[in-house]
Amino acid sequence: MPRLFGTDGVRGLANRDLTARLALDLGDAAVRVLGNSAVREGLPEGRRRALIGRDTRVSGDFLASALCAGMSAGGFDVIDAGIIPTPGVAFLTSVLNVEMGAVISASHNPMPDNGIKFFARGGFKLPDSKEDDIEAVLGQDWDRPTGAGVGRVSHETVTATNLYIDHLVSTIAPLNPDKTQPKPLRGLKIVADCANGATSVVAPEALRRAGAEVLVINASPDGYNINKNAGSTHPEQLQAMVKATDAVMGIAFDGDADRCLAVDEDGNMVNGDQIMGILARAKKEAGKLADNTLVVTVMSNLGLKLALKDMGIKTVQTAVGDRYVLEEMLRGGYTLGGEQSGHVINREFATTGDGTLTALTLCNEVVKSGKSLKQLAADFPQLPQQLVNVPNVDKMAATTNAAVQAAVDKESKLLGDTGRVLLRPSGTEPLVRVMAEAATQQQADEVCDRLAKVVADELAL
């Protein structure tokens, strides 16, 4: 059977793949696995607690109820934080000292999808081994508690949201000794596209409290419009609004707000690589970039790495997925990392990617530098890139087929230090992603097309 957990939790079509029964069983199994972990780690005896949050999808209502039922039936008291960004759940899991957190969200996916992912004590995503342990006991009978051993469910949406917003604002505007709130973003006019998702309240409030003038779009979730022609996957409306309102910049979030992209004053997109470059340089200048190193994935543009190298900043590369970025950050003691898609992990303030935190720190750097976002992003030019998905192929043979590897070697030598190629099997479909970067778009297109043809011919099913 295929593994239930994917690269970011359990995800699928709500009420078809991801049912109330599965959510109930996942809550029940997570309690068994993570509750046992808490006991083994010598944590104090007494009531165990979990915290859950969700994005704005209509299916989140029944899935949250089912997940709470599974956890409380297993003896955990559950704090339901309501609609809140994924990184908000990670933060609250840490500061409220609960045994685990859970998020019901399908991130940037269309509204009919949904997902469930867990955070361990301290607010960190679970390693594969823990997810495997949960899957192994899923649906099994066990000696469940009765009477006073059964858990309670409390709803604390307002308290949880305010605690999270306070934390976000404090990252760039810690309270003055007289308890007044500084306004470091005063005078900055920005547009925020909240994707009708989980940060529809959080991001505008945090940015305004930091002093920015915020024009908000797509912050009226109705359960059905999350990510619909909005947010980081559809930034066209944001680009037009920034230009129409003479805003300094724009920010686009995804449905659960664990990532963000930006738009400069001319409406040009500023991607995750450029955002990471800007923030890495700022941290280096402040002496807060551990080992002068940024952690990136194999999908990060070569242009970012070349620009950082000239600035004396090293890069460490991981597989695609913010969880793998974080694992490498923890292993090497690094303080900043992320993905081209806009997941940025700032370990000074967070245990996972946080789009609102990234937006605040990026806006703060625009103000502190005295430069526009366009000027800052220009220091991290992106090499032309082409990506082709080759379907209906034996994706596992992409790294072993002799003809494919020979073609990869040939194209890599042709590009030399001015570009690169990458073959990446899809995690969920029978296809191989072929990516090429080169000095010109024409060269990237040609290299990608040649490699894609070899992959299609040699690995056809």
Protein backbone atom coordinates (compact mmCIF):
# COMPACT_ATOMS: atom_id res chain seq x y z
CA MET A 1 0.00 0.00 0.00
CA PRO A 2 1.22 3.57 -0.63
CA ARG A 3 2.31 5.56 2.38
CA LEU A 4 -0.59 7.52 3.92
CA PHE A 5 1.57 10.50 4.88
CA GLY A 6 2.99 12.54 2.01
CA THR A 7 5.62 15.26 2.03
CA ASP A 8 3.37 17.49 4.15
CA GLY A 9 0.97 15.35 6.16
CA VAL A 10 -2.11 13.47 4.98
CA ARG A 11 -3.82 15.23 2.09
CA GLY A 12 -6.61 14.49 -0.36
CA LEU A 13 -10.14 15.28 -1.51
CA ALA A 14 -12.16 16.08 1.60
CA ASN A 15 -14.97 13.61 2.38
CA ARG A 16 -13.63 11.22 -0.25
CA ASP A 17 -9.96 10.58 0.47
CA LEU A 18 -9.85 12.47 3.76
CA THR A 19 -13.01 11.46 5.64
CA ALA A 20 -14.33 12.19 9.12
CA ARG A 21 -13.55 8.58 10.01
CA LEU A 22 -9.93 8.95 8.91
CA ALA A 23 -9.59 12.21 10.86
CA LEU A 24 -11.02 10.49 13.94
CA ASP A 25 -8.58 7.59 13.54
CA LEU A 26 -5.64 9.93 12.98
CA GLY A 27 -6.44 11.80 16.20
CA ASP A 28 -6.76 8.50 18.05
CA ALA A 29 -3.47 7.17 16.64
CA ALA A 30 -1.55 10.41 17.19
CA VAL A 31 -2.54 10.40 20.85
CA ARG A 32 -1.18 6.88 21.25
CA VAL A 33 2.14 7.61 19.54
CA LEU A 34 2.88 11.12 20.75
CA GLY A 35 1.36 10.55 24.18
CA ASN A 36 3.66 7.58 24.67
CA SER A 37 6.58 9.70 23.53
CA ALA A 38 5.75 12.27 26.18
CA VAL A 39 5.80 9.62 28.89
CA ARG A 40 9.10 8.16 27.67
CA GLU A 41 10.72 11.59 27.70
CA GLY A 42 9.99 11.92 31.40
CA LEU A 43 7.40 14.69 31.14
CA PRO A 44 5.36 15.42 34.26
CA GLU A 45 2.34 13.26 34.95
CA GLY A 46 -1.17 14.68 34.66
CA ARG A 47 -3.44 15.79 31.88
CA ARG A 48 -2.02 15.67 28.38
CA ARG A 49 -2.90 18.52 26.04
CA ALA A 50 -3.08 18.99 22.28
CA LEU A 51 -3.86 22.03 20.14
CA ILE A 52 -5.51 22.13 16.72
CA GLY A 53 -6.13 24.86 14.15
CA ARG A 54 -7.46 25.00 10.60
CA ASP A 55 -7.73 27.12 7.50
CA THR A 56 -10.99 28.49 6.07
CA ARG A 57 -12.18 25.51 4.00
CA VAL A 58 -15.75 24.46 4.72
CA SER A 59 -14.59 20.86 5.21
CA GLY A 60 -12.44 22.04 8.11
CA ASP A 61 -15.54 22.13 10.31
CA PHE A 62 -16.32 18.42 10.22
CA LEU A 63 -12.67 17.39 10.10
CA ALA A 64 -11.84 19.49 13.16
CA SER A 65 -14.74 17.96 15.06
CA ALA A 66 -13.61 14.45 14.15
CA LEU A 67 -9.95 15.11 14.97
CA CYS A 68 -10.90 16.62 18.35
CA ALA A 69 -13.08 13.61 19.04
CA GLY A 70 -10.26 11.18 18.34
CA MET A 71 -7.80 13.06 20.54
CA SER A 72 -10.16 13.69 23.46
CA ALA A 73 -11.43 10.10 23.38
CA GLY A 74 -7.79 9.12 23.77
CA GLY A 75 -7.49 11.13 26.96
CA PHE A 76 -6.06 14.43 25.70
CA ASP A 77 -7.54 17.81 26.56
CA VAL A 78 -7.79 19.62 23.22
CA ILE A 79 -7.47 23.37 22.66
CA ASP A 80 -9.32 24.28 19.45
CA ALA A 81 -7.71 27.51 18.20
CA GLY A 82 -10.13 27.79 15.29
CA ILE A 83 -9.03 29.44 12.05
CA ILE A 84 -5.35 30.31 12.35
CA PRO A 85 -2.28 30.03 10.08
CA THR A 86 -0.29 26.80 10.17
CA PRO A 87 2.78 28.53 11.69
CA GLY A 88 0.47 29.92 14.36
CA VAL A 89 -0.29 26.35 15.45
CA ALA A 90 3.44 25.56 15.49
CA PHE A 91 4.13 28.65 17.63
CA LEU A 92 1.29 27.95 20.08
CA THR A 93 2.27 24.29 20.36
CA SER A 94 5.62 25.52 21.62
CA VAL A 95 4.64 28.36 23.95
CA LEU A 96 1.58 26.67 25.47
CA ASN A 97 3.67 23.63 26.35
CA VAL A 98 1.29 21.10 24.82
CA GLU A 99 2.27 17.61 23.79
CA MET A 100 1.32 18.08 20.15
CA GLY A 101 -0.36 20.32 17.61
CA ALA A 102 -2.36 19.56 14.49
CA VAL A 103 -3.38 21.62 11.47
CA ILE A 104 -6.29 20.94 9.14
CA SER A 105 -5.30 22.51 5.83
CA ALA A 106 -4.39 21.75 2.24
CA SER A 107 -2.26 24.90 1.99
CA HIS A 108 -2.28 26.25 -1.59
CA ASN A 109 -4.44 23.40 -2.99
CA PRO A 110 -7.96 24.08 -4.34
CA MET A 111 -10.85 24.32 -1.87
CA PRO A 112 -12.23 20.75 -2.26
CA ASP A 113 -8.95 19.32 -0.91
CA ASN A 114 -7.92 19.26 2.72
CA GLY A 115 -5.19 17.77 4.86
CA ILE A 116 -4.00 16.99 8.37
CA LYS A 117 -0.46 17.41 9.65
CA PHE A 118 0.98 17.17 13.13
CA PHE A 119 3.54 19.06 15.17
CA ALA A 120 5.52 17.45 17.96
CA ARG A 121 6.13 19.02 21.34
CA GLY A 122 8.10 22.24 20.77
CA GLY A 123 6.32 23.04 17.49
CA PHE A 124 8.38 20.94 15.07
CA LYS A 125 6.95 18.89 12.19
CA LEU A 126 7.10 15.15 12.75
CA PRO A 127 9.94 13.13 11.22
CA ASP A 128 8.99 10.37 8.80
CA SER A 129 9.56 7.75 11.50
CA LYS A 130 6.89 9.24 13.78
CA GLU A 131 4.41 9.48 10.92
CA ASP A 132 5.11 5.83 10.18
CA ASP A 133 4.40 4.99 13.84
CA ILE A 134 1.05 6.78 13.66
CA GLU A 135 0.15 4.99 10.44
CA ALA A 136 1.12 1.64 11.98
CA VAL A 137 -1.48 1.89 14.80
CA LEU A 138 -4.18 3.62 12.73
CA GLY A 139 -7.60 2.08 13.35
CA GLN A 140 -6.34 -0.42 15.94
CA ASP A 141 -8.30 -1.16 19.10
CA TRP A 142 -6.63 -0.28 22.40
CA ASP A 143 -7.53 0.23 26.05
CA ARG A 144 -9.03 3.71 25.77
CA PRO A 145 -9.60 5.77 28.94
CA THR A 146 -13.02 6.08 30.55
CA GLY A 147 -14.63 8.34 33.14
CA ALA A 148 -12.36 11.16 34.28
CA GLY A 149 -9.66 9.90 31.92
CA VAL A 150 -11.52 11.19 28.86
CA GLY A 151 -10.33 14.56 27.57
CA ARG A 152 -12.16 17.87 27.18
CA VAL A 153 -12.33 20.23 24.20
CA SER A 154 -12.07 24.00 24.73
CA HIS A 155 -12.50 26.68 22.06
CA GLU A 156 -10.02 29.55 22.42
CA THR A 157 -9.89 31.23 19.00
CA VAL A 158 -9.57 34.86 20.12
CA THR A 159 -6.96 34.20 22.80
CA ALA A 160 -4.85 32.03 20.52
CA THR A 161 -5.01 34.49 17.63
CA ASN A 162 -4.05 37.47 19.79
CA LEU A 163 -1.15 35.59 21.36
CA TYR A 164 0.18 34.75 17.90
CA ILE A 165 -0.23 38.30 16.58
CA ASP A 166 1.61 39.67 19.64
CA HIS A 167 4.49 37.33 18.86
CA LEU A 168 4.63 38.31 15.19
CA VAL A 169 4.71 42.05 15.85
CA SER A 170 7.35 41.64 18.56
CA THR A 171 9.80 40.15 16.06
CA ILE A 172 10.36 43.56 14.45
CA ALA A 173 8.81 45.84 17.09
CA PRO A 174 9.51 44.68 20.66
CA LEU A 175 7.65 46.76 23.24
CA ASN A 176 9.36 49.86 24.58
CA PRO A 177 10.20 50.01 28.33
CA ASP A 178 7.01 52.05 28.84
CA LYS A 179 5.01 49.25 27.14
CA THR A 180 4.22 51.37 24.06
CA GLN A 181 4.37 49.69 20.66
CA PRO A 182 7.00 50.93 18.18
CA LYS A 183 5.90 51.48 14.58
CA PRO A 184 8.91 50.48 12.42
CA LEU A 185 6.79 50.23 9.25
CA ARG A 186 5.27 53.70 9.59
CA GLY A 187 4.88 55.34 6.17
CA LEU A 188 5.01 52.04 4.25
CA LYS A 189 1.98 51.57 1.99
CA ILE A 190 1.51 47.93 1.05
CA VAL A 191 -1.15 45.64 -0.40
CA ALA A 192 -1.80 42.28 1.31
CA ASP A 193 -3.53 39.44 -0.57
CA CYS A 194 -4.71 36.98 2.06
CA ALA A 195 -6.02 34.34 -0.40
CA ASN A 196 -9.29 34.23 1.59
CA GLY A 197 -7.35 31.94 3.85
CA ALA A 198 -6.13 31.47 7.39
CA THR A 199 -4.26 34.77 7.72
CA SER A 200 -7.18 36.98 6.63
CA VAL A 201 -7.28 38.46 10.15
CA VAL A 202 -3.73 37.87 11.36
CA ALA A 203 -1.61 39.41 8.58
CA PRO A 204 -3.46 42.73 8.17
CA GLU A 205 -3.60 43.24 11.93
CA ALA A 206 0.09 42.41 12.46
CA LEU A 207 1.23 44.69 9.62
CA ARG A 208 -0.96 47.57 10.82
CA ARG A 209 0.21 47.24 14.41
CA ALA A 210 3.77 47.48 13.08
CA GLY A 211 2.84 50.80 11.50
CA ALA A 212 2.16 49.96 7.84
CA GLU A 213 -0.72 51.35 5.82
CA VAL A 214 -2.31 48.14 4.58
CA LEU A 215 -4.70 47.75 1.65
CA VAL A 216 -6.26 44.31 2.00
CA ILE A 217 -7.69 42.13 -0.75
CA ASN A 218 -9.13 38.60 -0.66
CA ALA A 219 -9.68 38.57 3.11
CA SER A 220 -13.38 37.61 3.14
CA PRO A 221 -13.36 33.82 3.44
CA ASP A 222 -16.70 32.07 3.03
CA GLY A 223 -15.51 28.47 3.21
CA TYR A 224 -15.45 28.07 -0.55
CA ASN A 225 -13.17 30.81 -1.95
CA ILE A 226 -9.80 29.94 -0.39
CA ASN A 227 -7.01 30.31 -3.01
CA LYS A 228 -9.63 30.98 -5.72
CA ASN A 229 -7.98 33.37 -8.19
CA ALA A 230 -6.14 34.83 -5.23
CA GLY A 231 -2.99 34.65 -3.15
CA SER A 232 0.45 33.33 -4.02
CA THR A 233 -0.82 30.92 -6.70
CA HIS A 234 -2.80 33.66 -8.51
CA PRO A 235 -1.01 36.98 -7.89
CA GLU A 236 -2.42 38.85 -10.89
CA GLN A 237 -4.97 40.80 -8.85
CA LEU A 238 -2.28 41.80 -6.35
CA GLN A 239 0.07 42.95 -9.12
CA ALA A 240 -2.64 45.15 -10.61
CA MET A 241 -3.63 46.57 -7.21
CA VAL A 242 -0.06 47.53 -6.29
CA LYS A 243 0.32 49.51 -9.51
CA ALA A 244 -3.16 51.07 -9.30
CA THR A 245 -2.71 52.32 -5.74
CA ASP A 246 0.94 53.45 -5.92
CA ALA A 247 1.76 51.08 -3.09
CA VAL A 248 5.41 50.47 -2.24
CA MET A 249 4.99 46.70 -2.47
CA GLY A 250 2.58 43.81 -2.18
CA ILE A 251 2.51 40.52 -0.28
CA ALA A 252 0.74 37.35 -1.45
CA PHE A 253 -0.02 34.57 1.04
CA ASP A 254 -1.20 31.03 0.43
CA GLY A 255 -4.22 29.41 2.08
CA ASP A 256 -2.56 28.44 5.35
CA ALA A 257 -0.01 31.31 5.32
CA ASP A 258 3.10 29.23 5.82
CA ARG A 259 4.61 30.98 2.80
CA CYS A 260 4.45 34.25 0.93
CA LEU A 261 5.65 35.87 -2.26
CA ALA A 262 6.08 39.60 -2.91
CA VAL A 263 5.40 42.16 -5.62
CA ASP A 264 7.55 45.25 -6.19
CA GLU A 265 6.25 48.76 -6.94
CA ASP A 266 6.10 48.02 -10.67
CA GLY A 267 4.03 44.88 -10.18
CA ASN A 268 6.94 42.48 -10.79
CA MET A 269 7.00 39.24 -8.80
CA VAL A 270 9.69 38.75 -6.16
CA ASN A 271 10.00 35.02 -5.50
CA GLY A 272 11.13 33.03 -2.48
CA ASP A 273 14.74 32.84 -3.66
CA GLN A 274 15.00 36.62 -3.88
CA ILE A 275 13.27 37.08 -0.52
CA MET A 276 15.70 34.62 1.07
CA GLY A 277 18.63 36.45 -0.52
CA ILE A 278 17.47 39.79 0.87
CA LEU A 279 16.94 38.38 4.35
CA ALA A 280 20.19 36.35 4.33
CA ARG A 281 22.24 39.42 3.49
CA ALA A 282 20.47 41.42 6.22
CA LYS A 283 21.12 38.69 8.79
CA LYS A 284 24.76 38.46 7.76
CA GLU A 285 25.21 42.20 8.18
CA ALA A 286 23.56 41.97 11.61
CA GLY A 287 25.79 39.04 12.62
CA LYS A 288 22.80 36.70 12.92
CA LEU A 289 23.35 34.38 9.93
CA ALA A 290 24.87 31.27 11.51
CA ASP A 291 28.05 30.19 9.72
CA ASN A 292 27.14 32.73 7.01
CA THR A 293 25.02 29.97 5.46
CA LEU A 294 21.57 29.84 3.87
CA VAL A 295 19.81 26.47 3.51
CA VAL A 296 18.00 26.03 0.16
CA THR A 297 16.49 23.18 -1.86
CA VAL A 298 17.53 21.73 -5.20
CA MET A 299 14.88 23.92 -6.86
CA SER A 300 16.48 27.21 -5.80
CA ASN A 301 17.73 29.22 -8.75
CA LEU A 302 21.45 29.12 -9.51
CA GLY A 303 21.32 32.92 -9.74
CA LEU A 304 20.65 33.09 -5.99
CA LYS A 305 23.63 30.89 -5.17
CA LEU A 306 25.99 32.85 -7.42
CA ALA A 307 24.86 36.20 -5.96
CA LEU A 308 25.23 34.94 -2.39
CA LYS A 309 28.67 33.55 -3.12
CA ASP A 310 29.81 37.02 -4.18
CA MET A 311 28.48 38.33 -0.85
CA GLY A 312 30.40 35.76 1.18
CA ILE A 313 27.33 33.69 1.96
CA LYS A 314 27.41 29.91 1.54
CA THR A 315 24.47 27.69 0.60
CA VAL A 316 23.60 24.18 1.74
CA GLN A 317 21.19 22.24 -0.48
CA THR A 318 18.43 19.78 0.52
CA ALA A 319 15.62 17.84 -1.13
CA VAL A 320 12.39 19.70 -1.92
CA GLY A 321 10.20 20.24 1.15
CA ASP A 322 10.43 22.70 4.02
CA ARG A 323 10.64 19.82 6.50
CA TYR A 324 13.94 18.76 4.91
CA VAL A 325 15.17 22.35 5.01
CA LEU A 326 14.41 22.47 8.73
CA GLU A 327 16.09 19.12 9.39
CA GLU A 328 19.28 20.44 7.79
CA MET A 329 19.01 23.70 9.71
CA LEU A 330 18.74 21.84 13.00
CA ARG A 331 21.55 19.47 12.06
CA GLY A 332 23.93 22.28 11.14
CA GLY A 333 22.74 24.91 13.58
CA TYR A 334 21.72 27.26 10.73
CA THR A 335 19.34 30.18 11.27
CA LEU A 336 17.74 30.80 7.87
CA GLY A 337 16.49 28.59 5.07
CA GLY A 338 13.62 27.99 2.71
CA GLU A 339 12.24 27.34 -0.73
CA GLN A 340 11.74 29.18 -4.00
CA SER A 341 7.98 28.80 -3.46
CA GLY A 342 8.09 31.24 -0.54
CA HIS A 343 8.50 28.97 2.48
CA VAL A 344 11.07 30.80 4.61
CA ILE A 345 12.14 29.43 7.99
CA ASN A 346 13.59 32.03 10.35
CA ARG A 347 14.84 29.98 13.29
CA GLU A 348 15.34 33.09 15.40
CA PHE A 349 11.56 33.34 15.74
CA ALA A 350 9.89 30.21 14.32
CA THR A 351 10.08 26.44 13.97
CA THR A 352 8.49 26.32 10.52
CA GLY A 353 7.84 28.48 7.47
CA ASP A 354 5.76 31.54 8.40
CA GLY A 355 4.43 33.79 5.63
CA THR A 356 3.32 36.62 7.90
CA LEU A 357 6.66 36.64 9.73
CA THR A 358 8.46 36.70 6.38
CA ALA A 359 6.29 39.60 5.21
CA LEU A 360 7.03 41.60 8.37
CA THR A 361 10.80 41.03 8.18
CA LEU A 362 10.89 41.80 4.45
CA CYS A 363 8.94 45.04 4.92
CA ASN A 364 11.22 45.94 7.81
CA GLU A 365 14.29 45.45 5.62
CA VAL A 366 12.82 47.73 2.94
CA VAL A 367 12.43 50.47 5.56
CA LYS A 368 15.83 49.92 7.22
CA SER A 369 17.75 49.74 3.93
CA GLY A 370 16.18 52.88 2.50
CA LYS A 371 15.85 51.00 -0.80
CA SER A 372 12.80 49.84 -2.71
CA LEU A 373 11.92 46.16 -2.92
CA LYS A 374 12.75 46.34 -6.64
CA GLN A 375 16.27 47.57 -5.84
CA LEU A 376 16.82 44.92 -3.17
CA ALA A 377 15.57 42.09 -5.41
CA ALA A 378 17.76 43.24 -8.31
CA ASP A 379 20.82 42.11 -6.34
CA PHE A 380 19.58 38.52 -6.73
CA PRO A 381 18.92 38.08 -10.47
CA GLN A 382 17.30 34.82 -11.50
CA LEU A 383 18.76 32.75 -14.33
CA PRO A 384 16.21 31.85 -17.02
CA GLN A 385 14.54 28.58 -16.07
CA GLN A 386 12.33 26.04 -17.80
CA LEU A 387 10.39 23.18 -16.23
CA VAL A 388 8.68 20.36 -18.13
CA ASN A 389 6.61 17.54 -16.58
CA VAL A 390 7.06 14.27 -18.44
CA PRO A 391 4.03 12.03 -17.69
CA ASN A 392 3.43 8.28 -17.89
CA VAL A 393 7.02 7.25 -17.21
CA ASP A 394 8.84 4.99 -14.75
CA LYS A 395 9.85 7.82 -12.43
CA MET A 396 12.02 5.63 -10.20
CA ALA A 397 14.30 4.80 -13.13
CA ALA A 398 15.17 8.46 -13.72
CA THR A 399 18.34 8.17 -11.63
CA THR A 400 19.42 4.74 -12.86
CA ASN A 401 18.68 4.61 -16.58
CA ALA A 402 22.02 4.79 -18.42
CA ALA A 403 20.75 6.73 -21.44
CA VAL A 404 18.99 9.30 -19.26
CA GLN A 405 22.06 9.80 -17.08
CA ALA A 406 24.27 10.13 -20.16
CA ALA A 407 21.96 12.85 -21.48
CA VAL A 408 22.06 14.65 -18.15
CA ASP A 409 25.87 14.53 -18.12
CA LYS A 410 26.06 15.83 -21.69
CA GLU A 411 23.76 18.79 -21.04
CA SER A 412 25.49 19.58 -17.73
CA LYS A 413 28.88 19.76 -19.46
CA LEU A 414 27.38 21.95 -22.17
CA LEU A 415 26.11 24.44 -19.58
CA GLY A 416 29.22 24.35 -17.41
CA ASP A 417 29.13 26.95 -14.61
CA THR A 418 26.53 29.04 -16.42
CA GLY A 419 23.57 26.74 -15.76
CA ARG A 420 22.39 23.35 -14.54
CA VAL A 421 19.85 20.59 -15.10
CA LEU A 422 17.73 18.67 -12.63
CA LEU A 423 15.54 15.58 -12.91
CA ARG A 424 13.09 15.08 -10.04
CA PRO A 425 10.52 12.27 -9.77
CA SER A 426 7.08 13.45 -8.64
CA GLY A 427 6.12 12.39 -5.14
CA THR A 428 2.51 11.62 -6.08
CA GLU A 429 2.25 11.01 -9.84
CA PRO A 430 3.95 8.81 -12.49
CA LEU A 431 5.92 11.69 -13.94
CA VAL A 432 9.41 13.18 -13.92
CA ARG A 433 10.03 16.90 -13.64
CA VAL A 434 12.80 18.10 -15.94
CA MET A 435 14.28 21.48 -15.09
CA ALA A 436 17.00 23.48 -16.84
CA GLU A 437 18.65 26.81 -16.02
CA ALA A 438 20.87 28.66 -18.46
CA ALA A 439 22.23 32.06 -19.38
CA THR A 440 19.34 32.67 -21.82
CA GLN A 441 15.72 31.53 -21.92
CA GLN A 442 16.23 30.02 -25.37
CA GLN A 443 19.09 27.87 -24.14
CA ALA A 444 17.11 26.75 -21.08
CA ASP A 445 14.14 25.83 -23.30
CA GLU A 446 16.30 23.87 -25.73
CA VAL A 447 18.14 21.92 -23.01
CA CYS A 448 14.89 21.11 -21.22
CA ASP A 449 13.17 19.95 -24.41
CA ARG A 450 16.08 17.65 -25.34
CA LEU A 451 16.20 16.07 -21.89
CA ALA A 452 12.42 15.70 -21.69
CA LYS A 453 12.42 13.79 -24.99
CA VAL A 454 15.09 11.38 -23.72
CA VAL A 455 13.14 10.81 -20.50
CA ALA A 456 9.89 10.21 -22.42
CA ASP A 457 11.55 7.76 -24.85
CA GLU A 458 13.62 5.83 -22.33
CA LEU A 459 11.25 5.62 -19.36
CA ALA A 460 7.88 5.22 -21.11
CA LEU A 461 5.51 2.88 -19.27
